Amino acid sequence: LAVAAWRAKGEALLARNDAQRRQDDAEDVLAFMLGDFREDLQKVGQTSLLEKVGDKAMGYFDHADPRDLTDTALTRQTKALTQIGETRIDQARYADAATAFATAYTRATALVSRHPHDGDMLFERAQVEYWIGFIAQRRGDFATWRQWLTRYRDSAASLVQLEGNKPRAQLELTYGHHNLAILELDAGNLA
């Protein structure tokens, strides 16, 4: 009886690992299609070909609870959702872009909560914060634009605390201050 239970536990573990491997493989393909392949299609002006891929990916991501995902899956989903949002911006589909970025933010925030001292995860969250602010700017919502650009700048400042003088951190903080300056300029607040 103990041998049967041990064997069943081993088979369950193998099945779980196999399912995780298949999920990782599928998300790898999706990340390629929304990343490198998207860039290739942009060069020839054909990003509309990815519209169905983005729609399917959004459906897939909507059913995944961030608490149930591994760090790798959350990272891939954050990047894929950000890329979907960027594509939706290119198509002037701001509501759909906002949905993609909101879902990406949930994933990125979960990652930063799990690993508060990981610069890569903080960087990904900052990127999403920027894009959410960008959408607010396009919609003329200055209060929301300011809120998200402030979050972006603050995330960049946290990245500098983690990474010091690394160019990525310094550049993000520079962008953070620059974006807020543009916001003030657009609001007519020259002081």
Protein backbone atom coordinates (compact mmCIF):
# COMPACT_ATOMS: atom_id res chain seq x y z
CA LEU A 1 0.00 0.00 0.00
CA ALA A 2 2.83 2.40 0.86
CA VAL A 3 4.56 1.58 -2.43
CA ALA A 4 1.37 2.32 -4.38
CA ALA A 5 0.94 5.66 -2.59
CA TRP A 6 4.60 6.54 -3.21
CA ARG A 7 4.23 5.60 -6.89
CA ALA A 8 1.01 7.66 -7.24
CA LYS A 9 2.70 10.66 -5.62
CA GLY A 10 5.63 10.33 -8.02
CA GLU A 11 3.31 10.10 -11.04
CA ALA A 12 1.41 13.18 -9.87
CA LEU A 13 4.67 15.09 -9.50
CA LEU A 14 5.76 14.05 -13.01
CA ALA A 15 2.40 15.10 -14.43
CA ARG A 16 2.60 18.49 -12.70
CA ASN A 17 6.14 19.06 -13.97
CA ASP A 18 5.10 18.04 -17.48
CA ALA A 19 2.16 20.46 -17.40
CA GLN A 20 4.46 23.24 -16.19
CA ARG A 21 6.93 22.48 -18.99
CA ARG A 22 4.13 22.62 -21.60
CA GLN A 23 2.88 25.92 -20.14
CA ASP A 24 6.42 27.35 -20.26
CA ASP A 25 6.85 26.20 -23.87
CA ALA A 26 3.53 27.75 -24.92
CA GLU A 27 4.36 31.03 -23.21
CA ASP A 28 7.79 31.00 -24.87
CA VAL A 29 6.16 30.77 -28.30
CA LEU A 30 3.72 33.50 -27.35
CA ALA A 31 6.54 35.73 -26.11
CA PHE A 32 8.37 35.24 -29.43
CA MET A 33 5.29 36.11 -31.45
CA LEU A 34 4.58 39.21 -29.40
CA GLY A 35 8.24 40.22 -29.12
CA ASP A 36 10.79 39.44 -31.82
CA PHE A 37 8.20 38.55 -34.46
CA ARG A 38 6.26 41.74 -33.66
CA GLU A 39 9.42 43.78 -34.25
CA ASP A 40 9.95 42.04 -37.61
CA LEU A 41 6.36 42.76 -38.60
CA GLN A 42 6.70 46.41 -37.54
CA LYS A 43 9.60 46.81 -39.96
CA VAL A 44 7.31 45.88 -42.84
CA GLY A 45 4.20 47.59 -41.44
CA GLN A 46 2.25 44.40 -40.76
CA THR A 47 1.55 44.41 -37.00
CA SER A 48 -2.14 43.90 -37.72
CA LEU A 49 -1.26 40.25 -38.37
CA LEU A 50 -0.74 39.86 -34.63
CA GLU A 51 -4.19 41.13 -33.69
CA LYS A 52 -5.70 37.65 -33.33
CA VAL A 53 -2.65 36.43 -31.43
CA GLY A 54 -3.01 39.32 -28.99
CA ASP A 55 -6.72 38.68 -28.55
CA LYS A 56 -6.14 34.97 -27.86
CA ALA A 57 -3.32 35.79 -25.45
CA MET A 58 -5.54 38.21 -23.53
CA GLY A 59 -8.15 35.48 -23.15
CA TYR A 60 -5.50 33.09 -21.89
CA PHE A 61 -4.06 35.60 -19.42
CA ASP A 62 -7.50 36.60 -18.12
CA HIS A 63 -8.00 33.07 -16.78
CA ALA A 64 -4.67 32.88 -14.95
CA ASP A 65 -4.50 33.94 -11.31
CA PRO A 66 -1.10 35.56 -10.60
CA ARG A 67 -0.95 33.78 -7.24
CA ASP A 68 -0.92 30.43 -9.04
CA LEU A 69 1.87 31.32 -11.48
CA THR A 70 5.60 30.81 -11.19
CA ASP A 71 7.96 33.77 -11.35
CA THR A 72 8.93 32.74 -14.87
CA ALA A 73 5.30 32.62 -16.02
CA LEU A 74 4.53 35.97 -14.38
CA THR A 75 7.56 37.58 -16.02
CA ARG A 76 6.66 36.24 -19.45
CA GLN A 77 3.06 37.31 -19.06
CA THR A 78 4.05 40.80 -17.90
CA LYS A 79 6.27 41.26 -20.95
CA ALA A 80 3.73 39.74 -23.35
CA LEU A 81 0.90 41.87 -21.98
CA THR A 82 3.05 44.99 -22.26
CA GLN A 83 3.79 44.11 -25.88
CA ILE A 84 0.09 43.55 -26.54
CA GLY A 85 -0.62 46.96 -25.02
CA GLU A 86 2.00 48.60 -27.22
CA THR A 87 0.48 46.97 -30.30
CA ARG A 88 -2.97 48.19 -29.28
CA ILE A 89 -1.56 51.72 -28.93
CA ASP A 90 -0.13 51.46 -32.45
CA GLN A 91 -3.67 50.58 -33.57
CA ALA A 92 -5.16 53.50 -31.54
CA ARG A 93 -7.15 50.93 -29.50
CA TYR A 94 -6.56 52.69 -26.19
CA ALA A 95 -9.24 50.90 -24.17
CA ASP A 96 -7.80 47.52 -25.19
CA ALA A 97 -4.28 48.76 -24.48
CA ALA A 98 -5.36 49.95 -21.03
CA THR A 99 -6.81 46.50 -20.29
CA ALA A 100 -3.57 44.79 -21.34
CA PHE A 101 -1.47 47.18 -19.24
CA ALA A 102 -3.75 46.82 -16.20
CA THR A 103 -3.33 43.04 -16.35
CA ALA A 104 0.42 43.42 -16.87
CA TYR A 105 0.56 45.70 -13.84
CA THR A 106 -1.13 43.07 -11.67
CA ARG A 107 1.50 40.52 -12.73
CA ALA A 108 4.42 42.93 -12.35
CA THR A 109 3.24 44.02 -8.91
CA ALA A 110 3.00 40.39 -7.82
CA LEU A 111 6.59 39.83 -8.96
CA VAL A 112 7.90 42.89 -7.12
CA SER A 113 6.02 41.80 -3.99
CA ARG A 114 7.67 38.39 -4.19
CA HIS A 115 11.12 39.82 -4.94
CA PRO A 116 11.37 43.43 -3.73
CA HIS A 117 15.14 43.54 -4.28
CA ASP A 118 15.14 42.25 -7.87
CA GLY A 119 15.93 45.08 -10.26
CA ASP A 120 14.63 43.26 -13.34
CA MET A 121 11.20 42.82 -11.81
CA LEU A 122 11.09 46.42 -10.62
CA PHE A 123 12.13 47.53 -14.12
CA GLU A 124 9.24 45.60 -15.71
CA ARG A 125 6.74 47.16 -13.31
CA ALA A 126 8.12 50.62 -14.12
CA GLN A 127 7.63 50.02 -17.84
CA VAL A 128 3.97 49.18 -17.28
CA GLU A 129 3.52 52.25 -15.08
CA TYR A 130 4.88 54.42 -17.88
CA TRP A 131 2.51 52.92 -20.45
CA ILE A 132 -0.53 53.33 -18.20
CA GLY A 133 0.44 56.99 -17.86
CA PHE A 134 0.90 57.24 -21.62
CA ILE A 135 -2.66 56.01 -22.20
CA ALA A 136 -3.97 58.56 -19.70
CA GLN A 137 -2.11 61.29 -21.58
CA ARG A 138 -3.65 60.19 -24.87
CA ARG A 139 -7.08 60.33 -23.25
CA GLY A 140 -6.42 63.81 -21.82
CA ASP A 141 -6.72 62.60 -18.22
CA PHE A 142 -4.04 64.75 -16.54
CA ALA A 143 -4.70 63.52 -12.98
CA THR A 144 -4.25 59.87 -13.94
CA TRP A 145 -1.31 60.75 -16.18
CA ARG A 146 0.42 62.49 -13.26
CA GLN A 147 -0.35 59.60 -10.89
CA TRP A 148 1.20 56.95 -13.14
CA LEU A 149 4.19 59.02 -14.22
CA THR A 150 4.89 59.71 -10.56
CA ARG A 151 4.73 55.98 -9.88
CA TYR A 152 7.06 55.38 -12.82
CA ARG A 153 9.54 57.97 -11.52
CA ASP A 154 9.36 56.51 -8.01
CA SER A 155 9.98 52.99 -9.34
CA ALA A 156 12.95 54.33 -11.27
CA ALA A 157 14.28 55.95 -8.08
CA SER A 158 13.91 52.58 -6.31
CA LEU A 159 15.77 50.97 -9.19
CA VAL A 160 18.63 53.46 -8.68
CA GLN A 161 18.69 52.49 -5.00
CA LEU A 162 19.07 48.85 -6.01
CA GLU A 163 21.42 49.24 -8.97
CA GLY A 164 23.29 52.45 -8.22
CA ASN A 165 25.10 53.86 -11.23
CA LYS A 166 24.09 51.17 -13.71
CA PRO A 167 23.06 52.89 -16.95
CA ARG A 168 19.61 51.25 -17.03
CA ALA A 169 18.70 52.62 -13.60
CA GLN A 170 20.10 56.09 -14.27
CA LEU A 171 18.36 56.28 -17.65
CA GLU A 172 15.00 55.25 -16.18
CA LEU A 173 15.26 57.90 -13.48
CA THR A 174 16.14 60.51 -16.11
CA TYR A 175 13.11 59.43 -18.16
CA GLY A 176 10.97 59.61 -15.01
CA HIS A 177 11.92 63.23 -14.32
CA HIS A 178 11.67 64.14 -18.00
CA ASN A 179 8.18 62.69 -18.35
CA LEU A 180 6.95 64.64 -15.33
CA ALA A 181 8.51 67.81 -16.75
CA ILE A 182 6.62 67.26 -20.04
CA LEU A 183 3.42 66.79 -18.05
CA GLU A 184 4.00 70.11 -16.26
CA LEU A 185 4.79 71.83 -19.56
CA ASP A 186 1.59 70.46 -21.15
CA ALA A 187 -0.38 71.63 -18.10
CA GLY A 188 1.10 75.13 -18.51
CA ASN A 189 2.94 74.92 -15.19
CA LEU A 190 6.27 76.40 -16.26
CA ALA A 191 7.44 76.99 -12.70
